[in-house]
C-alpha atoms as a PDB file:
ATOM      1  CA  MET A   1       2.401  17.148   8.131  1.00  0.00           C
ATOM      2  CA  GLU A   2       0.274  17.808   5.413  1.00  0.00           C
ATOM      3  CA  ILE A   3       1.828  16.873   2.628  1.00  0.00           C
ATOM      4  CA  ASN A   4       3.296  13.922   4.029  1.00  0.00           C
ATOM      5  CA  VAL A   5       0.376  12.483   6.538  1.00  0.00           C
ATOM      6  CA  VAL A   6      -2.798  14.397   5.503  1.00  0.00           C
ATOM      7  CA  GLY A   7      -1.794  14.100   1.810  1.00  0.00           C
ATOM      8  CA  SER A   8      -1.205  10.301   1.718  1.00  0.00           C
ATOM      9  CA  TYR A   9      -4.127   9.349   4.458  1.00  0.00           C
ATOM     10  CA  LEU A  10      -6.548  10.923   1.395  1.00  0.00           C
ATOM     11  CA  VAL A  11      -4.575   9.337  -1.488  1.00  0.00           C
ATOM     12  CA  ALA A  12      -5.212   6.071  -0.119  1.00  0.00           C
ATOM     13  CA  CYS A  13      -8.530   6.852   0.721  1.00  0.00           C
ATOM     14  CA  GLU A  14      -9.741   8.078  -2.752  1.00  0.00           C
ATOM     15  CA  VAL A  15      -7.425   4.816  -3.980  1.00  0.00           C
ATOM     16  CA  ALA A  16      -9.221   2.359  -2.075  1.00  0.00           C
ATOM     17  CA  SER A  17     -12.775   3.757  -2.559  1.00  0.00           C
ATOM     18  CA  LYS A  18     -12.135   3.381  -6.193  1.00  0.00           C
ATOM     19  CA  ILE A  19     -10.882  -0.077  -5.782  1.00  0.00           C
ATOM     20  CA  ALA A  20     -13.310  -0.943  -3.282  1.00  0.00           C
ATOM     21  CA  SER A  21     -16.501   0.625  -6.088  1.00  0.00           C
ATOM     22  CA  ASN A  22     -14.867  -1.455  -8.959  1.00  0.00           C
ATOM     23  CA  ARG A  23     -17.076  -4.440 -10.062  1.00  0.00           C
ATOM     24  CA  ASP A  24     -15.377  -5.959 -12.397  1.00  0.00           C
ATOM     25  CA  LEU A  25     -15.102  -9.500 -11.152  1.00  0.00           C
ATOM     26  CA  ALA A  26     -12.084  -9.899 -14.012  1.00  0.00           C
ATOM     27  CA  ASN A  27     -10.361  -7.492 -11.311  1.00  0.00           C
ATOM     28  CA  ILE A  28     -10.688 -10.037  -8.178  1.00  0.00           C
ATOM     29  CA  ASP A  29      -8.413 -12.876  -7.653  1.00  0.00           C
ATOM     30  CA  VAL A  30      -8.784 -16.234  -5.793  1.00  0.00           C
ATOM     31  CA  ASP A  31      -8.490 -14.648  -2.704  1.00  0.00           C
ATOM     32  CA  ASP A  32     -10.711 -12.126  -3.255  1.00  0.00           C
ATOM     33  CA  GLU A  33      -8.013  -9.027  -3.473  1.00  0.00           C
ATOM     34  CA  ARG A  34      -9.023  -5.914  -5.536  1.00  0.00           C
ATOM     35  CA  GLY A  35      -5.669  -4.722  -5.019  1.00  0.00           C
ATOM     36  CA  SER A  36      -2.747  -2.436  -3.212  1.00  0.00           C
ATOM     37  CA  ILE A  37      -1.567   0.457  -1.773  1.00  0.00           C
ATOM     38  CA  VAL A  38       1.932   1.226  -1.349  1.00  0.00           C
ATOM     39  CA  LEU A  39       2.535   4.432   0.801  1.00  0.00           C
ATOM     40  CA  VAL A  40       6.046   5.642   1.427  1.00  0.00           C
ATOM     41  CA  SER A  41       7.527   6.559   4.721  1.00  0.00           C
ATOM     42  CA  SER A  42      11.177   7.342   5.525  1.00  0.00           C
ATOM     43  CA  VAL A  43      14.306   5.676   7.164  1.00  0.00           C
ATOM     44  CA  ALA A  44      13.742   9.341   9.504  1.00  0.00           C
ATOM     45  CA  GLY A  45      10.494   8.031  10.827  1.00  0.00           C
ATOM     46  CA  PHE A  46      12.450   5.237  12.633  1.00  0.00           C
ATOM     47  CA  GLU A  47      15.870   7.703  13.620  1.00  0.00           C
ATOM     48  CA  GLY A  48      15.196  11.285  12.914  1.00  0.00           C
ATOM     49  CA  GLN A  49      18.165  13.236  12.685  1.00  0.00           C
ATOM     50  CA  LEU A  50      18.957  16.971  14.374  1.00  0.00           C
ATOM     51  CA  GLY A  51      16.701  19.322  12.481  1.00  0.00           C
ATOM     52  CA  GLN A  52      14.376  16.769  11.474  1.00  0.00           C
ATOM     53  CA  THR A  53      11.726  17.239  14.075  1.00  0.00           C
ATOM     54  CA  ALA A  54       8.625  17.528  11.862  1.00  0.00           C
ATOM     55  CA  TYR A  55      10.242  15.781   8.845  1.00  0.00           C
ATOM     56  CA  ALA A  56      10.553  12.423  11.235  1.00  0.00           C
ATOM     57  CA  THR A  57       7.473  13.002  12.830  1.00  0.00           C
ATOM     58  CA  SER A  58       5.304  13.104   9.524  1.00  0.00           C
ATOM     59  CA  LYS A  59       6.997  10.106   8.630  1.00  0.00           C
ATOM     60  CA  GLY A  60       6.607   8.265  11.910  1.00  0.00           C
ATOM     61  CA  ALA A  61       3.000   8.909  11.074  1.00  0.00           C
ATOM     62  CA  ILE A  62       2.962   7.399   7.654  1.00  0.00           C
ATOM     63  CA  ARG A  63       4.336   4.231   9.795  1.00  0.00           C
ATOM     64  CA  GLY A  64       1.497   4.415  12.164  1.00  0.00           C
ATOM     65  CA  LEU A  65      -1.059   4.371   9.333  1.00  0.00           C
ATOM     66  CA  VAL A  66      -0.178   1.255   7.618  1.00  0.00           C
ATOM     67  CA  LEU A  67      -1.371  -1.822   9.899  1.00  0.00           C
ATOM     68  CA  PRO A  68      -4.624   0.331  11.060  1.00  0.00           C
ATOM     69  CA  LEU A  69      -5.781   1.168   7.553  1.00  0.00           C
ATOM     70  CA  ALA A  70      -4.274  -2.500   6.018  1.00  0.00           C
ATOM     71  CA  ARG A  71      -6.719  -4.030   8.971  1.00  0.00           C
ATOM     72  CA  ASP A  72      -9.888  -1.210   8.071  1.00  0.00           C
ATOM     73  CA  LEU A  73      -9.212  -2.173   4.270  1.00  0.00           C
ATOM     74  CA  VAL A  74      -9.430  -6.270   4.398  1.00  0.00           C
ATOM     75  CA  PRO A  75     -13.047  -6.488   3.926  1.00  0.00           C
ATOM     76  CA  TRP A  76     -12.629  -4.689   0.767  1.00  0.00           C
ATOM     77  CA  GLY A  77      -9.711  -7.111  -0.206  1.00  0.00           C
ATOM     78  CA  ILE A  78      -7.342  -3.982  -0.563  1.00  0.00           C
ATOM     79  CA  ARG A  79      -3.662  -4.575   0.638  1.00  0.00           C
ATOM     80  CA  VAL A  80      -1.429  -1.606   2.546  1.00  0.00           C
ATOM     81  CA  ASN A  81       2.003  -1.197   2.642  1.00  0.00           C
ATOM     82  CA  ALA A  82       4.759   1.387   2.879  1.00  0.00           C
ATOM     83  CA  ILE A  83       8.539   1.499   1.641  1.00  0.00           C
ATOM     84  CA  ALA A  84      10.646   3.531   3.955  1.00  0.00           C
ATOM     85  CA  PRO A  85      13.951   4.417   1.650  1.00  0.00           C
ATOM     86  CA  GLY A  86      16.939   5.897   3.208  1.00  0.00           C
ATOM     87  CA  VAL A  87      19.400   7.844   0.683  1.00  0.00           C
ATOM     88  CA  PHE A  88      18.171   8.334  -2.963  1.00  0.00           C
ATOM     89  CA  GLU A  89      18.575  10.130  -5.784  1.00  0.00           C
ATOM     90  CA  THR A  90      16.031  12.719  -6.096  1.00  0.00           C
ATOM     91  CA  ALA A  91      15.490  16.092  -7.323  1.00  0.00           C
ATOM     92  CA  MET A  92      16.221  16.945  -4.267  1.00  0.00           C
ATOM     93  CA  SER A  93      19.746  15.821  -3.728  1.00  0.00           C
ATOM     94  CA  GLN A  94      20.734  16.772  -6.756  1.00  0.00           C
ATOM     95  CA  TYR A  95      21.406  20.539  -4.919  1.00  0.00           C
ATOM     96  CA  LEU A  96      23.421  18.940  -2.230  1.00  0.00           C
ATOM     97  CA  ASN A  97      27.266  20.421  -2.266  1.00  0.00           C
ATOM     98  CA  LYS A  98      29.952  17.741  -2.568  1.00  0.00           C
ATOM     99  CA  THR A  99      30.894  18.150   0.771  1.00  0.00           C
ATOM    100  CA  ALA A 100      27.550  16.898   2.302  1.00  0.00           C
ATOM    101  CA  ARG A 101      27.073  14.672  -0.401  1.00  0.00           C
ATOM    102  CA  ILE A 102      30.575  12.533   0.337  1.00  0.00           C
ATOM    103  CA  LYS A 103      29.619  13.558   4.421  1.00  0.00           C
ATOM    104  CA  LEU A 104      26.129  11.402   4.043  1.00  0.00           C
ATOM    105  CA  GLU A 105      28.289   8.812   1.379  1.00  0.00           C
ATOM    106  CA  GLN A 106      30.389   7.939   4.199  1.00  0.00           C
ATOM    107  CA  GLN A 107      27.727   6.999   6.436  1.00  0.00           C
ATOM    108  CA  LEU A 108      26.122   4.563   4.251  1.00  0.00           C
ATOM    109  CA  GLU A 109      27.178   1.011   5.160  1.00  0.00           C
ATOM    110  CA  PHE A 110      26.240  -0.797   1.510  1.00  0.00           C
ATOM    111  CA  PRO A 111      26.007  -0.006  -1.254  1.00  0.00           C
ATOM    112  CA  LYS A 112      27.822   3.115  -0.428  1.00  0.00           C
ATOM    113  CA  ARG A 113      25.962   5.075  -2.238  1.00  0.00           C
ATOM    114  CA  PHE A 114      22.321   6.669  -3.370  1.00  0.00           C
ATOM    115  CA  GLY A 115      19.939   4.480  -4.029  1.00  0.00           C
ATOM    116  CA  ASN A 116      17.531   4.871  -7.162  1.00  0.00           C
ATOM    117  CA  ALA A 117      14.676   4.807  -8.871  1.00  0.00           C
ATOM    118  CA  GLY A 118      14.723   1.667 -10.042  1.00  0.00           C
ATOM    119  CA  GLU A 119      15.621   0.202  -6.931  1.00  0.00           C
ATOM    120  CA  PHE A 120      12.553   1.813  -5.318  1.00  0.00           C
ATOM    121  CA  ALA A 121      10.622   0.730  -7.832  1.00  0.00           C
ATOM    122  CA  ALA A 122      11.043  -3.069  -7.916  1.00  0.00           C
ATOM    123  CA  LEU A 123      10.473  -3.230  -4.565  1.00  0.00           C
ATOM    124  CA  ALA A 124       6.962  -0.950  -4.829  1.00  0.00           C
ATOM    125  CA  VAL A 125       6.156  -3.943  -7.636  1.00  0.00           C
ATOM    126  CA  CYS A 126       7.641  -6.908  -5.066  1.00  0.00           C
ATOM    127  CA  LEU A 127       4.780  -5.202  -2.441  1.00  0.00           C
ATOM    128  CA  ILE A 128       1.925  -5.718  -5.238  1.00  0.00           C
ATOM    129  CA  GLN A 129       2.971  -9.110  -6.556  1.00  0.00           C
ATOM    130  CA  ASN A 130       3.917 -10.569  -3.050  1.00  0.00           C
ATOM    131  CA  LYS A 131      -0.196 -11.234  -1.670  1.00  0.00           C
ATOM    132  CA  MET A 132       1.182 -11.781   2.161  1.00  0.00           C
ATOM    133  CA  MET A 133       3.004  -8.577   2.054  1.00  0.00           C
ATOM    134  CA  ASN A 134       0.194  -6.362   4.198  1.00  0.00           C
ATOM    135  CA  GLY A 135       0.401  -4.063   6.850  1.00  0.00           C
ATOM    136  CA  GLU A 136       4.520  -3.598   6.649  1.00  0.00           C
ATOM    137  CA  ILE A 137       7.071  -1.079   5.918  1.00  0.00           C
ATOM    138  CA  VAL A 138       9.980  -2.088   4.580  1.00  0.00           C
ATOM    139  CA  ARG A 139      13.107  -0.226   5.099  1.00  0.00           C
ATOM    140  CA  LEU A 140      15.207   0.209   1.792  1.00  0.00           C
ATOM    141  CA  ASP A 141      18.136   1.603   2.957  1.00  0.00           C
ATOM    142  CA  GLY A 142      21.330  -0.830   2.246  1.00  0.00           C
ATOM    143  CA  ALA A 143      21.721  -1.316   6.025  1.00  0.00           C
ATOM    144  CA  THR A 144      22.423   2.073   6.696  1.00  0.00           C
ATOM    145  CA  ARG A 145      20.923   3.689  10.415  1.00  0.00           C
ATOM    146  CA  LEU A 146      21.050   7.390  10.619  1.00  0.00           C
ATOM    147  CA  GLY A 147      23.144   9.042  13.611  1.00  0.00           C
ATOM    148  CA  LYS A 148      22.156  12.203  15.123  1.00  0.00           C
ATOM    149  CA  LEU A 149      23.690  14.077  12.512  1.00  0.00           C
END
């Protein structure tokens, strides 16, 4: 909870403060937008698996943070969205044994592989560039829904 919820909230507040205090008129566009914040949730925040109570709760809290924070930051022209990734190649996923990895891959819909950093980054860029995206949580999971296990 400290890292995922409190940490995300404090970083978002610090970033919002810096964006809001920027007086450089060149950074304010025709819609009076000054910037965008992209938080990270997880598909576990939608459907946590067995043994993920704390993690799923913390990522669900990020989901609950996005819309109210987006609304709170409207006066400063700051948008807030989140990405909820599914199973991705990360430093932690490198430690999965072969059996666990195969079991996870069998649950995936399409594509039947772990996501990668480039795909995550592409969505983050999209959320930053699309000015109508505000207060949204976007799943990035290849249509996969987590089961109990």
